Amino acid sequence: MPGHVLPDGATMSYADTGAGSPILLVHGWAANGGFFQDLSSRLSGSHRVLTLTLRGHPGSGQGSSPLTIETLADDIAHFVETLDLKGVIALGWSMGAMALWRAAPKLGSRLAGLIIEDMAPRLTNDEKWSHGLSGAYATSDVAGTLGEIEADWPAYVARFAPRMFAAGLKDTRPELVDWATAEMSNANGRAMASLWASMAKQDFRADLARIAQPMLVISGGDSQVYPDGATAFVAHTAPNASRAVIQGAGHVPHLEAPDAFFNHIENFVRSQRRSELKSGGAVQ
């Protein structure tokens, strides 16, 4: 797997498969690029697919820069610019969506479209915002979460990972839940705590209105992580957004309902490519 050297010397690993117009896949918190292996394989039949493993996650370096959403966004922009990618459609799952929202202004015309997979613009809830993490998760809960993460990361993952999937999946597809749990357990708890603290500080509700690129917002109808209102807000606020809900899936629809997810992605990508051709835009 190739590595991309970031400005502070950290190496970000990535996979580069297929040929054609570029699709960038950005994983969620505590995951890695391997979570997209099946999707990447499907998409690479007709596209160039670049799958990142973000800094601080297993397989990539941590570097000296702070582990924040802002740093991840800078890393993504540096990667896209260094490879001189144009007409990129970028998919961000969970935390990956936040990194892409922050990176969007930096990418500018290089970014042709965004696909958001089950993510809220703000994690914490208050009296004016109830579409953050399920369970009325509030700013006052963040310190407790960080304490749990740093005290016993594997135990935290054992509790968190099964909830990423729709209820009942542990019974019907235990191997998928066990695989995801094992993969996430390989992450560094201290690094994940830093990124969680950064995510909890983010608020993209106003920023969404300034992201003009076409955006497809996909959520699982049975997500246990974010309520339906989270992705509904994103799709309503972004000026050029549409929304798809995959019933029976949770926070990871690309793994839980791979056929439906792939079809939504392909339809969106083809639609954007047709629009580019009609407008005379460059397609790489």
Protein backbone atom coordinates (compact mmCIF):
# COMPACT_ATOMS: atom_id res chain seq x y z
CA MET A 1 0.00 0.00 0.00
CA PRO A 2 1.50 3.37 -1.00
CA GLY A 3 2.13 6.13 1.49
CA HIS A 4 1.66 9.88 1.18
CA VAL A 5 4.12 12.01 3.15
CA LEU A 6 2.37 14.90 4.90
CA PRO A 7 4.00 18.29 5.64
CA ASP A 8 4.99 17.31 9.20
CA GLY A 9 6.64 14.09 7.98
CA ALA A 10 3.83 11.71 8.92
CA THR A 11 2.99 9.08 6.33
CA MET A 12 -0.67 8.57 5.44
CA SER A 13 -1.27 5.21 3.80
CA TYR A 14 -3.77 4.89 0.98
CA ALA A 15 -4.99 2.48 -1.66
CA ASP A 16 -5.23 3.53 -5.30
CA THR A 17 -7.21 1.19 -7.55
CA GLY A 18 -9.05 1.35 -10.85
CA ALA A 19 -8.93 4.06 -13.49
CA GLY A 20 -11.12 6.93 -14.55
CA SER A 21 -12.74 9.78 -12.65
CA PRO A 22 -11.51 9.92 -9.02
CA ILE A 23 -13.54 8.91 -6.00
CA LEU A 24 -11.99 9.55 -2.57
CA LEU A 25 -13.11 7.42 0.40
CA VAL A 26 -12.58 8.76 3.93
CA HIS A 27 -13.30 6.48 6.88
CA GLY A 28 -14.75 7.17 10.29
CA TRP A 29 -13.34 7.49 13.79
CA ALA A 30 -11.16 4.57 14.96
CA ALA A 31 -11.59 2.76 11.64
CA ASN A 32 -9.21 2.50 8.67
CA GLY A 33 -9.29 2.28 4.90
CA GLY A 34 -9.98 -1.45 5.08
CA PHE A 35 -13.57 -0.72 6.08
CA PHE A 36 -14.10 0.33 2.44
CA GLN A 37 -12.46 -2.68 0.81
CA ASP A 38 -15.65 -4.12 -0.67
CA LEU A 39 -17.00 -0.75 -1.81
CA SER A 40 -13.66 0.20 -3.32
CA SER A 41 -13.51 -3.08 -5.23
CA ARG A 42 -16.97 -2.47 -6.69
CA LEU A 43 -16.35 1.15 -7.61
CA SER A 44 -12.92 0.53 -9.12
CA GLY A 45 -14.52 -1.31 -12.03
CA SER A 46 -15.32 2.07 -13.59
CA HIS A 47 -13.56 4.69 -11.47
CA ARG A 48 -10.21 5.50 -9.91
CA VAL A 49 -10.78 4.91 -6.20
CA LEU A 50 -8.44 6.38 -3.59
CA THR A 51 -9.01 5.11 -0.05
CA LEU A 52 -7.28 6.90 2.80
CA THR A 53 -6.26 5.72 6.24
CA LEU A 54 -6.18 8.96 8.20
CA ARG A 55 -3.28 9.94 10.44
CA GLY A 56 -3.38 8.49 13.95
CA HIS A 57 -5.23 5.39 12.74
CA PRO A 58 -3.74 1.90 12.28
CA GLY A 59 -1.51 1.82 9.23
CA SER A 60 -0.72 5.56 9.12
CA GLY A 61 1.62 7.69 11.17
CA GLN A 62 0.54 10.16 13.81
CA GLY A 63 3.05 12.93 13.19
CA SER A 64 3.65 16.05 15.24
CA SER A 65 0.55 17.99 14.21
CA PRO A 66 -2.38 18.03 16.64
CA LEU A 67 -4.91 15.26 16.16
CA THR A 68 -7.89 17.40 15.23
CA ILE A 69 -10.52 17.60 12.52
CA GLU A 70 -8.70 20.64 11.18
CA THR A 71 -5.47 18.66 10.77
CA LEU A 72 -7.29 15.81 9.02
CA ALA A 73 -8.83 18.33 6.63
CA ASP A 74 -5.41 19.80 5.88
CA ASP A 75 -4.09 16.28 5.25
CA ILE A 76 -6.88 15.54 2.77
CA ALA A 77 -6.32 18.82 0.93
CA HIS A 78 -2.57 18.19 0.77
CA PHE A 79 -3.16 14.70 -0.61
CA VAL A 80 -5.58 15.86 -3.32
CA GLU A 81 -3.37 18.77 -4.35
CA THR A 82 -0.15 16.74 -4.39
CA LEU A 83 -1.71 14.07 -6.60
CA ASP A 84 -3.26 16.88 -8.67
CA LEU A 85 -6.68 15.26 -8.55
CA LYS A 86 -9.50 17.09 -10.32
CA GLY A 87 -13.22 16.46 -10.40
CA VAL A 88 -13.05 14.51 -7.14
CA ILE A 89 -16.17 13.04 -5.61
CA ALA A 90 -15.38 12.43 -1.93
CA LEU A 91 -17.24 10.15 0.43
CA GLY A 92 -16.95 10.71 4.17
CA TRP A 93 -18.33 8.22 6.64
CA SER A 94 -19.01 9.54 10.16
CA MET A 95 -15.92 11.50 11.29
CA GLY A 96 -14.72 11.39 7.68
CA ALA A 97 -17.66 13.60 6.78
CA MET A 98 -16.56 16.24 9.27
CA ALA A 99 -13.04 16.15 7.85
CA LEU A 100 -14.43 16.65 4.34
CA TRP A 101 -16.75 19.46 5.38
CA ARG A 102 -13.71 21.24 6.82
CA ALA A 103 -11.63 20.42 3.74
CA ALA A 104 -14.23 21.52 1.19
CA PRO A 105 -13.22 25.22 1.08
CA LYS A 106 -9.56 24.20 0.75
CA LEU A 107 -10.31 21.84 -2.14
CA GLY A 108 -12.37 24.40 -4.04
CA SER A 109 -12.94 23.51 -7.68
CA ARG A 110 -11.09 20.20 -7.31
CA LEU A 111 -14.11 18.90 -5.38
CA ALA A 112 -16.97 17.92 -7.70
CA GLY A 113 -19.29 16.39 -5.11
CA LEU A 114 -19.67 15.09 -1.58
CA ILE A 115 -21.25 11.93 -0.24
CA ILE A 116 -22.03 12.00 3.49
CA GLU A 117 -22.60 8.71 5.30
CA ASP A 118 -24.60 8.94 8.55
CA MET A 119 -23.13 12.02 10.21
CA ALA A 120 -24.46 14.98 12.15
CA PRO A 121 -23.04 18.49 11.83
CA ARG A 122 -22.73 18.65 15.63
CA LEU A 123 -22.19 15.77 18.07
CA THR A 124 -23.43 17.31 21.30
CA ASN A 125 -27.04 18.17 22.08
CA ASP A 126 -28.50 21.11 23.98
CA GLU A 127 -31.83 22.89 24.35
CA LYS A 128 -31.60 24.18 20.76
CA TRP A 129 -30.12 21.09 19.05
CA SER A 130 -31.45 17.56 19.50
CA HIS A 131 -29.98 15.86 16.43
CA GLY A 132 -26.54 15.05 17.81
CA LEU A 133 -25.45 11.69 19.15
CA SER A 134 -28.33 9.53 20.33
CA GLY A 135 -29.10 9.39 24.02
CA ALA A 136 -29.16 13.18 24.47
CA TYR A 137 -25.34 13.23 24.50
CA ALA A 138 -24.26 16.65 25.80
CA THR A 139 -21.08 18.66 26.22
CA SER A 140 -21.07 17.63 29.86
CA ASP A 141 -20.73 13.98 28.76
CA VAL A 142 -17.54 14.49 26.76
CA ALA A 143 -15.14 14.33 29.71
CA GLY A 144 -16.62 11.02 30.81
CA THR A 145 -16.23 9.60 27.30
CA LEU A 146 -12.60 10.67 27.13
CA GLY A 147 -11.98 9.07 30.52
CA GLU A 148 -13.48 5.78 29.37
CA ILE A 149 -11.48 5.80 26.14
CA GLU A 150 -8.18 6.45 27.87
CA ALA A 151 -8.82 4.08 30.77
CA ASP A 152 -9.57 0.96 28.69
CA TRP A 153 -9.78 1.39 24.94
CA PRO A 154 -10.60 -2.26 24.08
CA ALA A 155 -13.45 -2.26 26.60
CA TYR A 156 -14.79 0.97 25.16
CA VAL A 157 -14.69 -0.47 21.63
CA ALA A 158 -16.46 -3.63 22.79
CA ARG A 159 -19.36 -1.44 23.94
CA PHE A 160 -19.32 1.05 21.06
CA ALA A 161 -18.67 -1.07 17.96
CA PRO A 162 -21.82 -3.24 18.10
CA ARG A 163 -23.95 -0.09 18.37
CA MET A 164 -22.61 1.11 15.04
CA PHE A 165 -24.82 -1.49 13.39
CA ALA A 166 -28.58 -1.89 13.35
CA ALA A 167 -29.98 -3.68 16.37
CA GLY A 168 -30.06 -7.41 15.78
CA LEU A 169 -27.13 -7.53 13.36
CA LYS A 170 -25.00 -9.08 16.09
CA ASP A 171 -27.33 -12.08 15.88
CA THR A 172 -27.66 -12.30 12.09
CA ARG A 173 -24.11 -11.32 11.05
CA PRO A 174 -21.90 -11.78 14.11
CA GLU A 175 -18.77 -12.12 11.99
CA LEU A 176 -19.16 -8.54 10.67
CA VAL A 177 -19.61 -7.07 14.14
CA ASP A 178 -16.69 -9.09 15.50
CA TRP A 179 -14.47 -8.01 12.61
CA ALA A 180 -15.28 -4.33 13.08
CA THR A 181 -14.69 -4.60 16.82
CA ALA A 182 -11.31 -6.24 16.31
CA GLU A 183 -10.25 -3.67 13.71
CA MET A 184 -11.23 -0.72 15.88
CA SER A 185 -9.49 -2.23 18.89
CA ASN A 186 -6.19 -1.86 17.00
CA ALA A 187 -6.45 1.93 17.16
CA ASN A 188 -4.55 3.93 19.76
CA GLY A 189 -6.84 5.02 22.59
CA ARG A 190 -4.98 8.23 23.33
CA ALA A 191 -5.09 9.27 19.67
CA MET A 192 -8.79 8.44 19.49
CA ALA A 193 -9.46 10.51 22.60
CA SER A 194 -7.81 13.52 20.96
CA LEU A 195 -9.92 13.14 17.85
CA TRP A 196 -13.11 12.61 19.86
CA ALA A 197 -12.42 15.82 21.79
CA SER A 198 -11.98 17.66 18.51
CA MET A 199 -15.15 16.20 16.99
CA ALA A 200 -17.12 17.24 20.06
CA LYS A 201 -16.05 20.86 19.50
CA GLN A 202 -17.18 21.00 15.88
CA ASP A 203 -20.35 22.69 14.69
CA PHE A 204 -20.93 22.64 10.93
CA ARG A 205 -24.55 23.77 10.97
CA ALA A 206 -23.74 27.17 9.48
CA ASP A 207 -20.91 25.88 7.26
CA LEU A 208 -23.21 23.50 5.41
CA ALA A 209 -25.06 26.38 3.77
CA ARG A 210 -21.78 27.51 2.18
CA ILE A 211 -20.89 24.16 0.58
CA ALA A 212 -22.19 24.57 -2.95
CA GLN A 213 -21.02 21.26 -4.41
CA PRO A 214 -23.68 18.59 -5.01
CA MET A 215 -24.08 16.49 -1.89
CA LEU A 216 -25.69 13.10 -1.35
CA VAL A 217 -26.55 12.36 2.26
CA ILE A 218 -27.01 8.67 3.07
CA SER A 219 -28.17 7.34 6.42
CA GLY A 220 -29.27 4.07 7.90
CA GLY A 221 -32.93 4.03 8.81
CA ASP A 222 -32.07 2.06 11.96
CA SER A 223 -28.97 3.97 13.04
CA GLN A 224 -28.33 3.72 16.77
CA VAL A 225 -25.68 6.46 16.61
CA TYR A 226 -27.53 9.43 15.09
CA PRO A 227 -31.24 10.19 14.91
CA ASP A 228 -33.00 10.67 11.59
CA GLY A 229 -33.04 14.42 12.12
CA ALA A 230 -29.24 14.63 11.83
CA THR A 231 -28.96 13.72 8.17
CA ALA A 232 -32.30 15.37 7.39
CA PHE A 233 -30.82 18.64 8.67
CA VAL A 234 -27.70 18.22 6.53
CA ALA A 235 -29.72 17.51 3.39
CA HIS A 236 -32.06 20.43 4.08
CA THR A 237 -29.30 22.94 4.86
CA ALA A 238 -26.73 22.25 2.14
CA PRO A 239 -27.91 24.16 -0.95
CA ASN A 240 -27.45 21.34 -3.47
CA ALA A 241 -28.13 18.21 -1.43
CA SER A 242 -30.29 15.12 -1.76
CA ARG A 243 -30.93 12.38 0.76
CA ALA A 244 -31.26 8.61 0.76
CA VAL A 245 -32.31 6.48 3.74
CA ILE A 246 -31.46 2.77 3.69
CA GLN A 247 -33.94 0.93 5.84
CA GLY A 248 -32.62 -1.91 7.96
CA ALA A 249 -29.11 -0.41 8.13
CA GLY A 250 -27.47 1.41 11.00
CA HIS A 251 -24.45 3.73 11.16
CA VAL A 252 -22.47 1.69 8.60
CA PRO A 253 -24.81 1.19 5.63
CA HIS A 254 -21.90 0.60 3.25
CA LEU A 255 -21.22 -2.65 5.18
CA GLU A 256 -24.76 -3.49 6.29
CA ALA A 257 -26.50 -2.97 2.94
CA PRO A 258 -23.66 -2.96 0.39
CA ASP A 259 -25.81 -3.42 -2.72
CA ALA A 260 -28.20 -0.57 -1.92
CA PHE A 261 -25.34 1.67 -0.84
CA PHE A 262 -23.33 0.98 -4.00
CA ASN A 263 -26.34 1.71 -6.19
CA HIS A 264 -26.88 5.09 -4.51
CA ILE A 265 -23.20 5.97 -4.98
CA GLU A 266 -23.11 4.92 -8.63
CA ASN A 267 -26.27 6.85 -9.47
CA PHE A 268 -24.94 9.99 -7.79
CA VAL A 269 -21.51 9.73 -9.41
CA ARG A 270 -22.95 9.12 -12.87
CA SER A 271 -25.32 12.05 -12.45
CA GLN A 272 -22.46 14.38 -11.51
CA ARG A 273 -20.27 13.16 -14.36
CA ARG A 274 -23.08 13.78 -16.85
CA SER A 275 -23.50 17.30 -15.48
CA GLU A 276 -19.75 17.93 -15.83
CA LEU A 277 -19.76 16.77 -19.43
CA LYS A 278 -22.73 18.95 -20.30
CA SER A 279 -21.08 21.98 -18.74
CA GLY A 280 -17.74 21.26 -20.36
CA GLY A 281 -15.99 20.58 -17.03
CA ALA A 282 -12.79 18.58 -16.92
CA VAL A 283 -13.09 14.95 -15.94
CA GLN A 284 -9.98 13.13 -14.86
